[in-house]
Amino acid sequence: MNLSVAEFVYGCVLLWFPRGWIHGLRARLKGRRRRRSPMRIRDPWKGGGPGEKGFKAAVEFSKLDNYLDLVRAAAGTVLLWGGWGFPRSVSGGSGAVAVVAQTIRLGLSKGSVFPPVFYLAGVVFGLAGWQPALFSFVITWSLAVMLPNPQVFLFAFSVFTYAFGSMFQGPLRLNVISAALLVFLPLLLSLLLNRPLRNHLSRAVA
């Protein structure tokens, strides 16, 4: 297989493979399925309606799946859109398709909108570099206790992404603008679909 073709295939698999499918594959490999039961939600703050409260850093940073999302998004973005010595394979606009695939979850009734925060951090890392990704991610999470819901969280994350991207690379760089817009995309989808962003990052059912 040609190297560029291999990079394209690997990048697509890493970026476009929905997180819900990963949960399903894991459950099947373990020989069991996830139970669709409200008893799975053990934290009282998760029992409320989606989008009612902000994120809990201690909860989200304890989930291995979030780190897997970050790593695969960073690797896939680098492979497809270049950077770190890799050539650009596809146009940056196709990144929106990948983000939509991670945001819209059809396994629940009528579908739900999830904010793939760690996945977006990986996308920013691949598109805009490690400095904008690190500073925007750390500062947004440091303010999470003051951000009332996922909508405000993603708005702040998008603003910080553009601010630090502009600081380190320049305000008119296409990769910086694209990274900020992709972070904002789940919030835009939530508004267009008139469905709130859920207030936890992991999927409740497979």
C-alpha atoms as a PDB file:
ATOM      1  CA  MET A   1       0.000   0.000   0.000  1.00  0.00           C
ATOM      2  CA  ASN A   2       1.278   3.457  -0.913  1.00  0.00           C
ATOM      3  CA  LEU A   3       2.400   5.480   2.110  1.00  0.00           C
ATOM      4  CA  SER A   4       0.040   8.404   1.396  1.00  0.00           C
ATOM      5  CA  VAL A   5      -2.880   6.004   0.909  1.00  0.00           C
ATOM      6  CA  ALA A   6      -2.024   4.238   4.161  1.00  0.00           C
ATOM      7  CA  GLU A   7      -1.889   7.572   6.002  1.00  0.00           C
ATOM      8  CA  PHE A   8      -5.283   8.505   4.562  1.00  0.00           C
ATOM      9  CA  VAL A   9      -6.878   5.200   5.603  1.00  0.00           C
ATOM     10  CA  TYR A  10      -5.397   5.254   9.106  1.00  0.00           C
ATOM     11  CA  GLY A  11      -6.343   8.900   9.560  1.00  0.00           C
ATOM     12  CA  CYS A  12      -9.954   8.251   8.513  1.00  0.00           C
ATOM     13  CA  VAL A  13     -10.274   5.290  10.856  1.00  0.00           C
ATOM     14  CA  LEU A  14      -8.877   7.250  13.792  1.00  0.00           C
ATOM     15  CA  LEU A  15     -10.953  10.363  13.187  1.00  0.00           C
ATOM     16  CA  TRP A  16     -14.247   9.143  11.811  1.00  0.00           C
ATOM     17  CA  PHE A  17     -14.811   6.026  13.906  1.00  0.00           C
ATOM     18  CA  PRO A  18     -17.628   7.061  16.298  1.00  0.00           C
ATOM     19  CA  ARG A  19     -16.927   6.715  19.984  1.00  0.00           C
ATOM     20  CA  GLY A  20     -20.189   4.843  20.500  1.00  0.00           C
ATOM     21  CA  TRP A  21     -18.989   2.105  18.156  1.00  0.00           C
ATOM     22  CA  ILE A  22     -15.809   1.781  20.200  1.00  0.00           C
ATOM     23  CA  HIS A  23     -17.934   1.148  23.293  1.00  0.00           C
ATOM     24  CA  GLY A  24     -19.956  -1.432  21.402  1.00  0.00           C
ATOM     25  CA  LEU A  25     -16.879  -3.276  20.180  1.00  0.00           C
ATOM     26  CA  ARG A  26     -15.405  -3.301  23.655  1.00  0.00           C
ATOM     27  CA  ALA A  27     -18.601  -4.711  25.127  1.00  0.00           C
ATOM     28  CA  ARG A  28     -18.695  -7.474  22.525  1.00  0.00           C
ATOM     29  CA  LEU A  29     -15.062  -8.351  23.094  1.00  0.00           C
ATOM     30  CA  LYS A  30     -15.842  -8.724  26.788  1.00  0.00           C
ATOM     31  CA  GLY A  31     -18.762 -10.956  25.902  1.00  0.00           C
ATOM     32  CA  ARG A  32     -21.394  -8.672  27.346  1.00  0.00           C
ATOM     33  CA  ARG A  33     -23.503  -5.670  26.399  1.00  0.00           C
ATOM     34  CA  ARG A  34     -23.993  -2.472  28.298  1.00  0.00           C
ATOM     35  CA  ARG A  35     -27.242  -2.352  30.222  1.00  0.00           C
ATOM     36  CA  ARG A  36     -29.699   0.371  29.392  1.00  0.00           C
ATOM     37  CA  SER A  37     -30.527   1.209  32.947  1.00  0.00           C
ATOM     38  CA  PRO A  38     -30.622   4.488  34.883  1.00  0.00           C
ATOM     39  CA  MET A  39     -28.754   2.675  37.646  1.00  0.00           C
ATOM     40  CA  ARG A  40     -25.609   3.102  35.527  1.00  0.00           C
ATOM     41  CA  ILE A  41     -25.609   6.761  36.469  1.00  0.00           C
ATOM     42  CA  ARG A  42     -24.070   6.682  39.904  1.00  0.00           C
ATOM     43  CA  ASP A  43     -23.157  10.324  40.323  1.00  0.00           C
ATOM     44  CA  PRO A  44     -26.142  12.421  41.479  1.00  0.00           C
ATOM     45  CA  TRP A  45     -25.080  15.381  39.349  1.00  0.00           C
ATOM     46  CA  LYS A  46     -25.453  13.208  36.224  1.00  0.00           C
ATOM     47  CA  GLY A  47     -29.045  12.415  37.024  1.00  0.00           C
ATOM     48  CA  GLY A  48     -30.304  15.776  35.839  1.00  0.00           C
ATOM     49  CA  GLY A  49     -31.288  16.642  32.333  1.00  0.00           C
ATOM     50  CA  PRO A  50     -28.620  17.060  29.674  1.00  0.00           C
ATOM     51  CA  GLY A  51     -26.951  20.425  29.517  1.00  0.00           C
ATOM     52  CA  GLU A  52     -28.209  21.547  32.944  1.00  0.00           C
ATOM     53  CA  LYS A  53     -24.829  21.595  34.675  1.00  0.00           C
ATOM     54  CA  GLY A  54     -21.209  21.955  33.768  1.00  0.00           C
ATOM     55  CA  PHE A  55     -18.490  19.336  33.645  1.00  0.00           C
ATOM     56  CA  LYS A  56     -16.788  17.804  36.650  1.00  0.00           C
ATOM     57  CA  ALA A  57     -13.056  17.730  35.952  1.00  0.00           C
ATOM     58  CA  ALA A  58     -12.368  15.020  38.545  1.00  0.00           C
ATOM     59  CA  VAL A  59     -14.893  12.732  36.837  1.00  0.00           C
ATOM     60  CA  GLU A  60     -13.903  13.355  33.228  1.00  0.00           C
ATOM     61  CA  PHE A  61     -10.143  13.155  33.798  1.00  0.00           C
ATOM     62  CA  SER A  62     -10.571   9.745  35.434  1.00  0.00           C
ATOM     63  CA  LYS A  63     -11.992   8.167  32.232  1.00  0.00           C
ATOM     64  CA  LEU A  64      -9.576   6.295  30.005  1.00  0.00           C
ATOM     65  CA  ASP A  65     -11.863   6.720  26.984  1.00  0.00           C
ATOM     66  CA  ASN A  66     -11.350  10.480  27.060  1.00  0.00           C
ATOM     67  CA  TYR A  67      -7.575  10.078  26.711  1.00  0.00           C
ATOM     68  CA  LEU A  68      -8.080   7.608  23.871  1.00  0.00           C
ATOM     69  CA  ASP A  69     -10.247  10.194  22.126  1.00  0.00           C
ATOM     70  CA  LEU A  70      -7.537  12.822  22.540  1.00  0.00           C
ATOM     71  CA  VAL A  71      -4.752  10.615  21.176  1.00  0.00           C
ATOM     72  CA  ARG A  72      -6.682   9.229  18.202  1.00  0.00           C
ATOM     73  CA  ALA A  73      -7.970  12.666  17.217  1.00  0.00           C
ATOM     74  CA  ALA A  74      -4.477  14.153  17.354  1.00  0.00           C
ATOM     75  CA  ALA A  75      -2.968  11.284  15.354  1.00  0.00           C
ATOM     76  CA  GLY A  76      -5.771  11.245  12.792  1.00  0.00           C
ATOM     77  CA  THR A  77      -5.639  15.007  12.294  1.00  0.00           C
ATOM     78  CA  VAL A  78      -1.890  14.947  11.743  1.00  0.00           C
ATOM     79  CA  LEU A  79      -2.182  12.108   9.231  1.00  0.00           C
ATOM     80  CA  LEU A  80      -4.980  13.739   7.229  1.00  0.00           C
ATOM     81  CA  TRP A  81      -4.222  17.453   7.419  1.00  0.00           C
ATOM     82  CA  GLY A  82      -0.459  17.408   7.689  1.00  0.00           C
ATOM     83  CA  GLY A  83       1.934  18.700  10.302  1.00  0.00           C
ATOM     84  CA  TRP A  84       4.786  17.181  12.275  1.00  0.00           C
ATOM     85  CA  GLY A  85       6.490  16.144   9.050  1.00  0.00           C
ATOM     86  CA  PHE A  86       3.426  14.533   7.438  1.00  0.00           C
ATOM     87  CA  PRO A  87       2.056  15.855   4.114  1.00  0.00           C
ATOM     88  CA  ARG A  88      -1.502  17.106   3.794  1.00  0.00           C
ATOM     89  CA  SER A  89      -3.765  14.336   2.455  1.00  0.00           C
ATOM     90  CA  VAL A  90      -7.221  15.944   2.322  1.00  0.00           C
ATOM     91  CA  SER A  91      -8.860  19.357   2.591  1.00  0.00           C
ATOM     92  CA  GLY A  92      -9.498  20.779   6.040  1.00  0.00           C
ATOM     93  CA  GLY A  93     -13.250  21.036   5.436  1.00  0.00           C
ATOM     94  CA  SER A  94     -13.726  17.294   5.849  1.00  0.00           C
ATOM     95  CA  GLY A  95     -12.813  17.680   9.517  1.00  0.00           C
ATOM     96  CA  ALA A  96     -16.354  18.882  10.120  1.00  0.00           C
ATOM     97  CA  VAL A  97     -17.656  15.447   9.116  1.00  0.00           C
ATOM     98  CA  ALA A  98     -15.424  13.794  11.706  1.00  0.00           C
ATOM     99  CA  VAL A  99     -16.548  16.163  14.469  1.00  0.00           C
ATOM    100  CA  VAL A 100     -20.212  15.639  13.586  1.00  0.00           C
ATOM    101  CA  ALA A 101     -19.697  11.858  13.771  1.00  0.00           C
ATOM    102  CA  GLN A 102     -18.327  12.217  17.298  1.00  0.00           C
ATOM    103  CA  THR A 103     -20.996  14.696  18.413  1.00  0.00           C
ATOM    104  CA  ILE A 104     -24.249  13.143  17.233  1.00  0.00           C
ATOM    105  CA  ARG A 105     -25.111   9.931  19.079  1.00  0.00           C
ATOM    106  CA  LEU A 106     -27.991   7.997  17.531  1.00  0.00           C
ATOM    107  CA  GLY A 107     -28.074   5.156  20.035  1.00  0.00           C
ATOM    108  CA  LEU A 108     -30.388   7.024  22.365  1.00  0.00           C
ATOM    109  CA  SER A 109     -34.024   7.825  21.577  1.00  0.00           C
ATOM    110  CA  LYS A 110     -34.254  10.672  19.068  1.00  0.00           C
ATOM    111  CA  GLY A 111     -30.476  11.011  19.225  1.00  0.00           C
ATOM    112  CA  SER A 112     -28.386  13.163  21.542  1.00  0.00           C
ATOM    113  CA  VAL A 113     -25.662  15.760  21.175  1.00  0.00           C
ATOM    114  CA  PHE A 114     -22.451  15.148  23.116  1.00  0.00           C
ATOM    115  CA  PRO A 115     -19.531  17.578  23.417  1.00  0.00           C
ATOM    116  CA  PRO A 116     -16.378  15.572  22.501  1.00  0.00           C
ATOM    117  CA  VAL A 117     -14.080  17.865  24.465  1.00  0.00           C
ATOM    118  CA  PHE A 118     -11.021  15.610  24.632  1.00  0.00           C
ATOM    119  CA  TYR A 119     -11.447  14.647  20.982  1.00  0.00           C
ATOM    120  CA  LEU A 120     -11.560  18.350  20.063  1.00  0.00           C
ATOM    121  CA  ALA A 121      -8.390  18.966  22.056  1.00  0.00           C
ATOM    122  CA  GLY A 122      -6.680  16.335  19.914  1.00  0.00           C
ATOM    123  CA  VAL A 123      -7.964  18.023  16.746  1.00  0.00           C
ATOM    124  CA  VAL A 124      -6.581  21.365  17.938  1.00  0.00           C
ATOM    125  CA  PHE A 125      -3.248  19.682  18.692  1.00  0.00           C
ATOM    126  CA  GLY A 126      -3.031  18.301  15.162  1.00  0.00           C
ATOM    127  CA  LEU A 127      -4.221  21.454  13.393  1.00  0.00           C
ATOM    128  CA  ALA A 128      -2.816  24.338  15.416  1.00  0.00           C
ATOM    129  CA  GLY A 129       0.084  22.791  17.338  1.00  0.00           C
ATOM    130  CA  TRP A 130       0.728  21.763  20.899  1.00  0.00           C
ATOM    131  CA  GLN A 131       0.938  25.264  22.399  1.00  0.00           C
ATOM    132  CA  PRO A 132      -2.575  26.445  21.464  1.00  0.00           C
ATOM    133  CA  ALA A 133      -3.986  23.005  22.301  1.00  0.00           C
ATOM    134  CA  LEU A 134      -2.313  22.817  25.706  1.00  0.00           C
ATOM    135  CA  PHE A 135      -3.013  26.368  26.863  1.00  0.00           C
ATOM    136  CA  SER A 136      -6.612  26.517  25.638  1.00  0.00           C
ATOM    137  CA  PHE A 137      -7.406  23.088  27.086  1.00  0.00           C
ATOM    138  CA  VAL A 138      -5.820  23.706  30.488  1.00  0.00           C
ATOM    139  CA  ILE A 139      -7.257  27.206  30.938  1.00  0.00           C
ATOM    140  CA  THR A 140     -10.764  26.172  29.884  1.00  0.00           C
ATOM    141  CA  TRP A 141     -10.752  23.255  32.313  1.00  0.00           C
ATOM    142  CA  SER A 142      -9.363  25.471  35.074  1.00  0.00           C
ATOM    143  CA  LEU A 143     -12.452  27.655  34.609  1.00  0.00           C
ATOM    144  CA  ALA A 144     -14.861  24.714  34.332  1.00  0.00           C
ATOM    145  CA  VAL A 145     -16.190  25.181  37.851  1.00  0.00           C
ATOM    146  CA  MET A 146     -17.397  28.665  36.826  1.00  0.00           C
ATOM    147  CA  LEU A 147     -18.835  27.634  33.453  1.00  0.00           C
ATOM    148  CA  PRO A 148     -22.500  26.745  33.991  1.00  0.00           C
ATOM    149  CA  ASN A 149     -23.052  24.302  31.120  1.00  0.00           C
ATOM    150  CA  PRO A 150     -21.336  22.563  28.166  1.00  0.00           C
ATOM    151  CA  GLN A 151     -22.455  25.282  25.750  1.00  0.00           C
ATOM    152  CA  VAL A 152     -20.521  27.956  27.628  1.00  0.00           C
ATOM    153  CA  PHE A 153     -17.603  25.551  28.085  1.00  0.00           C
ATOM    154  CA  LEU A 154     -17.265  24.950  24.337  1.00  0.00           C
ATOM    155  CA  PHE A 155     -17.643  28.639  23.563  1.00  0.00           C
ATOM    156  CA  ALA A 156     -14.800  29.440  25.962  1.00  0.00           C
ATOM    157  CA  PHE A 157     -12.702  26.592  24.552  1.00  0.00           C
ATOM    158  CA  SER A 158     -13.219  27.921  21.018  1.00  0.00           C
ATOM    159  CA  VAL A 159     -12.298  31.471  22.015  1.00  0.00           C
ATOM    160  CA  PHE A 160      -9.145  30.360  23.836  1.00  0.00           C
ATOM    161  CA  THR A 161      -8.187  28.131  20.917  1.00  0.00           C
ATOM    162  CA  TYR A 162      -8.302  31.063  18.532  1.00  0.00           C
ATOM    163  CA  ALA A 163      -6.633  33.416  21.016  1.00  0.00           C
ATOM    164  CA  PHE A 164      -3.644  31.169  21.684  1.00  0.00           C
ATOM    165  CA  GLY A 165      -3.480  30.046  18.075  1.00  0.00           C
ATOM    166  CA  SER A 166      -3.272  33.690  17.038  1.00  0.00           C
ATOM    167  CA  MET A 167      -0.631  34.336  19.675  1.00  0.00           C
ATOM    168  CA  PHE A 168       1.637  31.484  18.612  1.00  0.00           C
ATOM    169  CA  GLN A 169       0.950  31.314  14.864  1.00  0.00           C
ATOM    170  CA  GLY A 170      -0.922  34.417  13.764  1.00  0.00           C
ATOM    171  CA  PRO A 171      -4.589  35.505  13.659  1.00  0.00           C
ATOM    172  CA  LEU A 172      -5.108  34.829   9.941  1.00  0.00           C
ATOM    173  CA  ARG A 173      -3.661  31.338   9.764  1.00  0.00           C
ATOM    174  CA  LEU A 174      -6.192  28.950   8.213  1.00  0.00           C
ATOM    175  CA  ASN A 175      -5.270  26.096  10.530  1.00  0.00           C
ATOM    176  CA  VAL A 176      -5.918  28.278  13.586  1.00  0.00           C
ATOM    177  CA  ILE A 177      -9.292  29.477  12.302  1.00  0.00           C
ATOM    178  CA  SER A 178     -10.258  25.914  11.331  1.00  0.00           C
ATOM    179  CA  ALA A 179      -9.340  24.578  14.767  1.00  0.00           C
ATOM    180  CA  ALA A 180     -11.432  27.223  16.547  1.00  0.00           C
ATOM    181  CA  LEU A 181     -14.406  26.617  14.243  1.00  0.00           C
ATOM    182  CA  LEU A 182     -14.256  22.852  14.757  1.00  0.00           C
ATOM    183  CA  VAL A 183     -14.305  23.352  18.531  1.00  0.00           C
ATOM    184  CA  PHE A 184     -17.353  25.583  18.098  1.00  0.00           C
ATOM    185  CA  LEU A 185     -19.125  23.126  15.762  1.00  0.00           C
ATOM    186  CA  PRO A 186     -20.791  20.910  18.443  1.00  0.00           C
ATOM    187  CA  LEU A 187     -22.280  24.040  20.012  1.00  0.00           C
ATOM    188  CA  LEU A 188     -23.579  25.126  16.612  1.00  0.00           C
ATOM    189  CA  LEU A 189     -25.092  21.672  16.035  1.00  0.00           C
ATOM    190  CA  SER A 190     -26.802  21.886  19.406  1.00  0.00           C
ATOM    191  CA  LEU A 191     -28.387  25.207  18.450  1.00  0.00           C
ATOM    192  CA  LEU A 192     -29.415  24.080  14.963  1.00  0.00           C
ATOM    193  CA  LEU A 193     -30.943  20.822  16.202  1.00  0.00           C
ATOM    194  CA  ASN A 194     -32.504  22.541  19.201  1.00  0.00           C
ATOM    195  CA  ARG A 195     -31.069  19.885  21.477  1.00  0.00           C
ATOM    196  CA  PRO A 196     -28.918  20.695  24.523  1.00  0.00           C
ATOM    197  CA  LEU A 197     -25.420  19.354  24.877  1.00  0.00           C
ATOM    198  CA  ARG A 198     -25.296  16.585  27.454  1.00  0.00           C
ATOM    199  CA  ASN A 199     -23.384  17.399  30.602  1.00  0.00           C
ATOM    200  CA  HIS A 200     -21.074  14.378  30.520  1.00  0.00           C
ATOM    201  CA  LEU A 201     -18.644  13.238  27.861  1.00  0.00           C
ATOM    202  CA  SER A 202     -19.081   9.498  27.866  1.00  0.00           C
ATOM    203  CA  ARG A 203     -21.977   7.709  26.347  1.00  0.00           C
ATOM    204  CA  ALA A 204     -24.535   6.207  28.687  1.00  0.00           C
ATOM    205  CA  VAL A 205     -25.325   3.281  26.423  1.00  0.00           C
ATOM    206  CA  ALA A 206     -23.552   1.460  23.657  1.00  0.00           C
END
